[in-house]
Amino acid sequence: MSAHCQVTGRKPQFGKTVSHSHRRHSRRWNPNVQKRRFYLPSEGRTITLTVSTKGLKIIDRDGIESVVAQIRARGEKV
């Protein structure tokens, strides 16, 4: 699976790299995605999420319980 954040939904972006002679080649920009384990106190277990660094900030701000609830509301399995 490609680099995809489960919290923010960030995916790779595509574009062109342009050399000095102005020749163009396709490339992609991957988000900074990390696999992190989080403990869910309500379920008494740990979960593994693929999260971007922006997603980590959102988890710090809102809490893991509310973020997991939002992910499940979208229909993703956690």
PDB file of N, CA and C in Angstrom:
ATOM      1  N   MET A   1       0.837  -1.182   0.000  1.00  0.00           N
ATOM      2  CA  MET A   1       0.000   0.000   0.000  1.00  0.00           C
ATOM      3  C   MET A   1       0.880   1.243   0.000  1.00  0.00           C
ATOM      4  N   SER A   2       0.425   2.292  -0.656  1.00  0.00           N
ATOM      5  CA  SER A   2       1.223   3.505  -0.742  1.00  0.00           C
ATOM      6  C   SER A   2       1.228   4.250   0.584  1.00  0.00           C
ATOM      7  N   ALA A   3       2.081   5.248   0.662  1.00  0.00           N
ATOM      8  CA  ALA A   3       2.186   6.059   1.874  1.00  0.00           C
ATOM      9  C   ALA A   3       0.888   6.843   2.042  1.00  0.00           C
ATOM     10  N   HIS A   4       0.110   6.480   3.052  1.00  0.00           N
ATOM     11  CA  HIS A   4      -1.212   7.066   3.254  1.00  0.00           C
ATOM     12  C   HIS A   4      -1.451   7.208   4.741  1.00  0.00           C
ATOM     13  N   CYS A   5      -1.813   8.410   5.195  1.00  0.00           N
ATOM     14  CA  CYS A   5      -2.056   8.657   6.614  1.00  0.00           C
ATOM     15  C   CYS A   5      -3.492   8.275   6.953  1.00  0.00           C
ATOM     16  N   GLN A   6      -3.665   7.493   8.018  1.00  0.00           N
ATOM     17  CA  GLN A   6      -5.002   7.072   8.413  1.00  0.00           C
ATOM     18  C   GLN A   6      -5.757   8.169   9.149  1.00  0.00           C
ATOM     19  N   VAL A   7      -5.075   9.171   9.667  1.00  0.00           N
ATOM     20  CA  VAL A   7      -5.739  10.238  10.417  1.00  0.00           C
ATOM     21  C   VAL A   7      -6.131  11.388   9.490  1.00  0.00           C
ATOM     22  N   THR A   8      -5.179  11.901   8.721  1.00  0.00           N
ATOM     23  CA  THR A   8      -5.444  13.073   7.887  1.00  0.00           C
ATOM     24  C   THR A   8      -5.830  12.721   6.461  1.00  0.00           C
ATOM     25  N   GLY A   9      -5.498  11.492   6.018  1.00  0.00           N
ATOM     26  CA  GLY A   9      -5.796  11.100   4.649  1.00  0.00           C
ATOM     27  C   GLY A   9      -4.775  11.594   3.650  1.00  0.00           C
ATOM     28  N   ARG A  10      -3.626  12.073   4.111  1.00  0.00           N
ATOM     29  CA  ARG A  10      -2.607  12.557   3.191  1.00  0.00           C
ATOM     30  C   ARG A  10      -2.057  11.407   2.364  1.00  0.00           C
ATOM     31  N   LYS A  11      -1.892  11.671   1.049  1.00  0.00           N
ATOM     32  CA  LYS A  11      -1.407  10.678   0.100  1.00  0.00           C
ATOM     33  C   LYS A  11      -0.254  11.292  -0.690  1.00  0.00           C
ATOM     34  N   PRO A  12       0.465  10.487  -1.469  1.00  0.00           N
ATOM     35  CA  PRO A  12       1.530  11.056  -2.301  1.00  0.00           C
ATOM     36  C   PRO A  12       0.960  12.035  -3.321  1.00  0.00           C
ATOM     37  N   GLN A  13       1.751  13.065  -3.596  1.00  0.00           N
ATOM     38  CA  GLN A  13       1.392  14.020  -4.630  1.00  0.00           C
ATOM     39  C   GLN A  13       2.346  13.832  -5.796  1.00  0.00           C
ATOM     40  N   PHE A  14       1.872  14.116  -6.995  1.00  0.00           N
ATOM     41  CA  PHE A  14       2.659  13.877  -8.194  1.00  0.00           C
ATOM     42  C   PHE A  14       2.921  15.180  -8.915  1.00  0.00           C
ATOM     43  N   GLY A  15       4.055  15.214  -9.594  1.00  0.00           N
ATOM     44  CA  GLY A  15       4.412  16.404 -10.355  1.00  0.00           C
ATOM     45  C   GLY A  15       5.615  16.120 -11.226  1.00  0.00           C
ATOM     46  N   LYS A  16       6.287  17.175 -11.632  1.00  0.00           N
ATOM     47  CA  LYS A  16       7.465  17.070 -12.493  1.00  0.00           C
ATOM     48  C   LYS A  16       8.664  17.688 -11.788  1.00  0.00           C
ATOM     49  N   THR A  17       9.824  17.076 -11.997  1.00  0.00           N
ATOM     50  CA  THR A  17      11.078  17.711 -11.606  1.00  0.00           C
ATOM     51  C   THR A  17      11.671  18.315 -12.870  1.00  0.00           C
ATOM     52  N   VAL A  18      12.146  19.541 -12.759  1.00  0.00           N
ATOM     53  CA  VAL A  18      12.613  20.272 -13.930  1.00  0.00           C
ATOM     54  C   VAL A  18      14.107  20.533 -13.768  1.00  0.00           C
ATOM     55  N   SER A  19      14.895  20.077 -14.732  1.00  0.00           N
ATOM     56  CA  SER A  19      16.341  20.260 -14.674  1.00  0.00           C
ATOM     57  C   SER A  19      16.718  21.657 -15.152  1.00  0.00           C
ATOM     58  N   HIS A  20      18.018  21.936 -15.084  1.00  0.00           N
ATOM     59  CA  HIS A  20      18.506  23.242 -15.534  1.00  0.00           C
ATOM     60  C   HIS A  20      18.217  23.460 -17.016  1.00  0.00           C
ATOM     61  N   SER A  21      18.300  22.381 -17.812  1.00  0.00           N
ATOM     62  CA  SER A  21      18.013  22.498 -19.245  1.00  0.00           C
ATOM     63  C   SER A  21      16.519  22.451 -19.531  1.00  0.00           C
ATOM     64  N   HIS A  22      15.710  22.427 -18.483  1.00  0.00           N
ATOM     65  CA  HIS A  22      14.247  22.458 -18.547  1.00  0.00           C
ATOM     66  C   HIS A  22      13.643  21.151 -19.063  1.00  0.00           C
ATOM     67  N   ARG A  23      14.388  20.031 -18.959  1.00  0.00           N
ATOM     68  CA  ARG A  23      13.801  18.729 -19.256  1.00  0.00           C
ATOM     69  C   ARG A  23      12.988  18.304 -18.049  1.00  0.00           C
ATOM     70  N   ARG A  24      11.861  17.660 -18.306  1.00  0.00           N
ATOM     71  CA  ARG A  24      10.939  17.320 -17.224  1.00  0.00           C
ATOM     72  C   ARG A  24      10.830  15.813 -17.060  1.00  0.00           C
ATOM     73  N   HIS A  25      10.790  15.378 -15.807  1.00  0.00           N
ATOM     74  CA  HIS A  25      10.628  13.973 -15.463  1.00  0.00           C
ATOM     75  C   HIS A  25       9.602  13.871 -14.352  1.00  0.00           C
ATOM     76  N   SER A  26       8.805  12.815 -14.406  1.00  0.00           N
ATOM     77  CA  SER A  26       7.769  12.630 -13.387  1.00  0.00           C
ATOM     78  C   SER A  26       8.401  12.227 -12.060  1.00  0.00           C
ATOM     79  N   ARG A  27       7.821  12.693 -10.984  1.00  0.00           N
ATOM     80  CA  ARG A  27       8.262  12.311  -9.644  1.00  0.00           C
ATOM     81  C   ARG A  27       7.074  12.371  -8.699  1.00  0.00           C
ATOM     82  N   ARG A  28       7.299  11.922  -7.483  1.00  0.00           N
ATOM     83  CA  ARG A  28       6.226  11.978  -6.493  1.00  0.00           C
ATOM     84  C   ARG A  28       6.789  12.432  -5.169  1.00  0.00           C
ATOM     85  N   TRP A  29       5.960  13.138  -4.409  1.00  0.00           N
ATOM     86  CA  TRP A  29       6.303  13.591  -3.075  1.00  0.00           C
ATOM     87  C   TRP A  29       5.500  12.754  -2.093  1.00  0.00           C
ATOM     88  N   ASN A  30       6.207  11.940  -1.296  1.00  0.00           N
ATOM     89  CA  ASN A  30       5.546  11.116  -0.296  1.00  0.00           C
ATOM     90  C   ASN A  30       5.398  11.887   1.004  1.00  0.00           C
ATOM     91  N   PRO A  31       4.276  11.719   1.700  1.00  0.00           N
ATOM     92  CA  PRO A  31       4.147  12.350   3.016  1.00  0.00           C
ATOM     93  C   PRO A  31       5.043  11.634   4.022  1.00  0.00           C
ATOM     94  N   ASN A  32       5.386  12.333   5.086  1.00  0.00           N
ATOM     95  CA  ASN A  32       6.224  11.752   6.138  1.00  0.00           C
ATOM     96  C   ASN A  32       5.336  10.861   6.999  1.00  0.00           C
ATOM     97  N   VAL A  33       5.268   9.572   6.637  1.00  0.00           N
ATOM     98  CA  VAL A  33       4.356   8.627   7.274  1.00  0.00           C
ATOM     99  C   VAL A  33       5.152   7.650   8.132  1.00  0.00           C
ATOM    100  N   GLN A  34       4.694   7.444   9.367  1.00  0.00           N
ATOM    101  CA  GLN A  34       5.351   6.545  10.313  1.00  0.00           C
ATOM    102  C   GLN A  34       4.324   5.542  10.831  1.00  0.00           C
ATOM    103  N   LYS A  35       4.794   4.344  11.163  1.00  0.00           N
ATOM    104  CA  LYS A  35       3.931   3.375  11.846  1.00  0.00           C
ATOM    105  C   LYS A  35       4.107   3.569  13.341  1.00  0.00           C
ATOM    106  N   ARG A  36       3.024   3.844  14.050  1.00  0.00           N
ATOM    107  CA  ARG A  36       3.089   4.078  15.484  1.00  0.00           C
ATOM    108  C   ARG A  36       2.062   3.222  16.198  1.00  0.00           C
ATOM    109  N   ARG A  37       2.428   2.783  17.407  1.00  0.00           N
ATOM    110  CA  ARG A  37       1.508   2.010  18.240  1.00  0.00           C
ATOM    111  C   ARG A  37       0.934   2.928  19.306  1.00  0.00           C
ATOM    112  N   PHE A  38      -0.369   2.819  19.514  1.00  0.00           N
ATOM    113  CA  PHE A  38      -1.070   3.621  20.509  1.00  0.00           C
ATOM    114  C   PHE A  38      -1.863   2.688  21.417  1.00  0.00           C
ATOM    115  N   TYR A  39      -1.958   3.053  22.683  1.00  0.00           N
ATOM    116  CA  TYR A  39      -2.717   2.270  23.650  1.00  0.00           C
ATOM    117  C   TYR A  39      -4.109   2.870  23.781  1.00  0.00           C
ATOM    118  N   LEU A  40      -5.133   2.018  23.610  1.00  0.00           N
ATOM    119  CA  LEU A  40      -6.525   2.439  23.793  1.00  0.00           C
ATOM    120  C   LEU A  40      -6.984   1.974  25.172  1.00  0.00           C
ATOM    121  N   PRO A  41      -7.105   2.880  26.136  1.00  0.00           N
ATOM    122  CA  PRO A  41      -7.508   2.464  27.485  1.00  0.00           C
ATOM    123  C   PRO A  41      -8.919   1.899  27.541  1.00  0.00           C
ATOM    124  N   SER A  42      -9.815   2.403  26.684  1.00  0.00           N
ATOM    125  CA  SER A  42     -11.201   1.929  26.728  1.00  0.00           C
ATOM    126  C   SER A  42     -11.310   0.466  26.309  1.00  0.00           C
ATOM    127  N   GLU A  43     -10.421   0.023  25.381  1.00  0.00           N
ATOM    128  CA  GLU A  43     -10.459  -1.365  24.907  1.00  0.00           C
ATOM    129  C   GLU A  43      -9.390  -2.221  25.554  1.00  0.00           C
ATOM    130  N   GLY A  44      -8.442  -1.592  26.245  1.00  0.00           N
ATOM    131  CA  GLY A  44      -7.391  -2.337  26.911  1.00  0.00           C
ATOM    132  C   GLY A  44      -6.423  -3.019  25.962  1.00  0.00           C
ATOM    133  N   ARG A  45      -6.167  -2.426  24.806  1.00  0.00           N
ATOM    134  CA  ARG A  45      -5.270  -3.015  23.819  1.00  0.00           C
ATOM    135  C   ARG A  45      -4.532  -1.912  23.070  1.00  0.00           C
ATOM    136  N   THR A  46      -3.500  -2.318  22.348  1.00  0.00           N
ATOM    137  CA  THR A  46      -2.765  -1.368  21.522  1.00  0.00           C
ATOM    138  C   THR A  46      -3.188  -1.530  20.072  1.00  0.00           C
ATOM    139  N   ILE A  47      -3.124  -0.438  19.330  1.00  0.00           N
ATOM    140  CA  ILE A  47      -3.419  -0.456  17.898  1.00  0.00           C
ATOM    141  C   ILE A  47      -2.221   0.141  17.173  1.00  0.00           C
ATOM    142  N   THR A  48      -2.033  -0.251  15.937  1.00  0.00           N
ATOM    143  CA  THR A  48      -0.970   0.295  15.099  1.00  0.00           C
ATOM    144  C   THR A  48      -1.608   1.120  14.001  1.00  0.00           C
ATOM    145  N   LEU A  49      -1.198   2.381  13.916  1.00  0.00           N
ATOM    146  CA  LEU A  49      -1.711   3.283  12.893  1.00  0.00           C
ATOM    147  C   LEU A  49      -0.567   3.751  12.015  1.00  0.00           C
ATOM    148  N   THR A  50      -0.860   3.986  10.745  1.00  0.00           N
ATOM    149  CA  THR A  50       0.075   4.628   9.835  1.00  0.00           C
ATOM    150  C   THR A  50      -0.278   6.105   9.832  1.00  0.00           C
ATOM    151  N   VAL A  51       0.614   6.906  10.420  1.00  0.00           N
ATOM    152  CA  VAL A  51       0.278   8.294  10.737  1.00  0.00           C
ATOM    153  C   VAL A  51       1.349   9.224  10.187  1.00  0.00           C
ATOM    154  N   SER A  52       0.919  10.349   9.613  1.00  0.00           N
ATOM    155  CA  SER A  52       1.857  11.392   9.221  1.00  0.00           C
ATOM    156  C   SER A  52       2.202  12.225  10.445  1.00  0.00           C
ATOM    157  N   THR A  53       3.200  13.074  10.310  1.00  0.00           N
ATOM    158  CA  THR A  53       3.595  13.903  11.440  1.00  0.00           C
ATOM    159  C   THR A  53       2.492  14.895  11.802  1.00  0.00           C
ATOM    160  N   LYS A  54       1.741  15.354  10.833  1.00  0.00           N
ATOM    161  CA  LYS A  54       0.581  16.210  11.117  1.00  0.00           C
ATOM    162  C   LYS A  54      -0.478  15.415  11.884  1.00  0.00           C
ATOM    163  N   GLY A  55      -0.645  14.134  11.531  1.00  0.00           N
ATOM    164  CA  GLY A  55      -1.583  13.275  12.240  1.00  0.00           C
ATOM    165  C   GLY A  55      -1.183  13.066  13.688  1.00  0.00           C
ATOM    166  N   LEU A  56       0.134  12.991  13.971  1.00  0.00           N
ATOM    167  CA  LEU A  56       0.604  12.873  15.354  1.00  0.00           C
ATOM    168  C   LEU A  56       0.233  14.105  16.161  1.00  0.00           C
ATOM    169  N   LYS A  57       0.340  15.273  15.539  1.00  0.00           N
ATOM    170  CA  LYS A  57      -0.054  16.511  16.225  1.00  0.00           C
ATOM    171  C   LYS A  57      -1.549  16.511  16.532  1.00  0.00           C
ATOM    172  N   ILE A  58      -2.346  15.999  15.611  1.00  0.00           N
ATOM    173  CA  ILE A  58      -3.798  15.942  15.818  1.00  0.00           C
ATOM    174  C   ILE A  58      -4.121  14.983  16.957  1.00  0.00           C
ATOM    175  N   ILE A  59      -3.398  13.844  17.023  1.00  0.00           N
ATOM    176  CA  ILE A  59      -3.620  12.893  18.115  1.00  0.00           C
ATOM    177  C   ILE A  59      -3.236  13.516  19.448  1.00  0.00           C
ATOM    178  N   ASP A  60      -2.134  14.275  19.475  1.00  0.00           N
ATOM    179  CA  ASP A  60      -1.737  14.959  20.701  1.00  0.00           C
ATOM    180  C   ASP A  60      -2.783  15.981  21.128  1.00  0.00           C
ATOM    181  N   ARG A  61      -3.377  16.670  20.157  1.00  0.00           N
ATOM    182  CA  ARG A  61      -4.344  17.716  20.461  1.00  0.00           C
ATOM    183  C   ARG A  61      -5.696  17.151  20.901  1.00  0.00           C
ATOM    184  N   ASP A  62      -6.226  16.168  20.143  1.00  0.00           N
ATOM    185  CA  ASP A  62      -7.591  15.692  20.370  1.00  0.00           C
ATOM    186  C   ASP A  62      -7.669  14.453  21.247  1.00  0.00           C
ATOM    187  N   GLY A  63      -6.596  13.671  21.301  1.00  0.00           N
ATOM    188  CA  GLY A  63      -6.627  12.418  22.048  1.00  0.00           C
ATOM    189  C   GLY A  63      -6.870  11.240  21.119  1.00  0.00           C
ATOM    190  N   ILE A  64      -6.302  10.111  21.485  1.00  0.00           N
ATOM    191  CA  ILE A  64      -6.372   8.924  20.629  1.00  0.00           C
ATOM    192  C   ILE A  64      -7.787   8.361  20.541  1.00  0.00           C
ATOM    193  N   GLU A  65      -8.563   8.477  21.629  1.00  0.00           N
ATOM    194  CA  GLU A  65      -9.926   7.925  21.614  1.00  0.00           C
ATOM    195  C   GLU A  65     -10.805   8.621  20.570  1.00  0.00           C
ATOM    196  N   SER A  66     -10.763   9.959  20.531  1.00  0.00           N
ATOM    197  CA  SER A  66     -11.610  10.680  19.578  1.00  0.00           C
ATOM    198  C   SER A  66     -11.125  10.481  18.145  1.00  0.00           C
ATOM    199  N   VAL A  67      -9.817  10.370  17.954  1.00  0.00           N
ATOM    200  CA  VAL A  67      -9.285  10.153  16.608  1.00  0.00           C
ATOM    201  C   VAL A  67      -9.696   8.776  16.089  1.00  0.00           C
ATOM    202  N   VAL A  68      -9.625   7.760  16.949  1.00  0.00           N
ATOM    203  CA  VAL A  68     -10.042   6.415  16.537  1.00  0.00           C
ATOM    204  C   VAL A  68     -11.538   6.395  16.233  1.00  0.00           C
ATOM    205  N   ALA A  69     -12.327   7.140  16.991  1.00  0.00           N
ATOM    206  CA  ALA A  69     -13.760   7.222  16.716  1.00  0.00           C
ATOM    207  C   ALA A  69     -14.018   7.843  15.346  1.00  0.00           C
ATOM    208  N   GLN A  70     -13.252   8.866  14.974  1.00  0.00           N
ATOM    209  CA  GLN A  70     -13.402   9.486  13.655  1.00  0.00           C
ATOM    210  C   GLN A  70     -12.997   8.526  12.540  1.00  0.00           C
ATOM    211  N   ILE A  71     -11.918   7.764  12.768  1.00  0.00           N
ATOM    212  CA  ILE A  71     -11.472   6.800  11.752  1.00  0.00           C
ATOM    213  C   ILE A  71     -12.542   5.727  11.538  1.00  0.00           C
ATOM    214  N   ARG A  72     -13.121   5.245  12.637  1.00  0.00           N
ATOM    215  CA  ARG A  72     -14.175   4.225  12.520  1.00  0.00           C
ATOM    216  C   ARG A  72     -15.441   4.786  11.894  1.00  0.00           C
ATOM    217  N   ALA A  73     -15.739   6.064  12.114  1.00  0.00           N
ATOM    218  CA  ALA A  73     -16.913   6.683  11.508  1.00  0.00           C
ATOM    219  C   ALA A  73     -16.769   6.750   9.990  1.00  0.00           C
ATOM    220  N   ARG A  74     -15.535   6.862   9.498  1.00  0.00           N
ATOM    221  CA  ARG A  74     -15.289   6.857   8.054  1.00  0.00           C
ATOM    222  C   ARG A  74     -15.411   5.457   7.469  1.00  0.00           C
ATOM    223  N   GLY A  75     -15.423   4.436   8.318  1.00  0.00           N
ATOM    224  CA  GLY A  75     -15.580   3.078   7.834  1.00  0.00           C
ATOM    225  C   GLY A  75     -14.297   2.285   7.766  1.00  0.00           C
ATOM    226  N   GLU A  76     -13.179   2.861   8.227  1.00  0.00           N
ATOM    227  CA  GLU A  76     -11.918   2.120   8.236  1.00  0.00           C
ATOM    228  C   GLU A  76     -11.869   1.195   9.429  1.00  0.00           C
ATOM    229  N   LYS A  77     -11.224   0.062   9.257  1.00  0.00           N
ATOM    230  CA  LYS A  77     -11.089  -0.903  10.339  1.00  0.00           C
ATOM    231  C   LYS A  77      -9.829  -0.582  11.137  1.00  0.00           C
ATOM    232  N   VAL A  78      -9.964  -0.540  12.463  1.00  0.00           N
ATOM    233  CA  VAL A  78      -8.831  -0.262  13.344  1.00  0.00           C
ATOM    234  C   VAL A  78      -8.632  -1.430  14.258  1.00  0.00           C
TER     235      VAL A  78
END
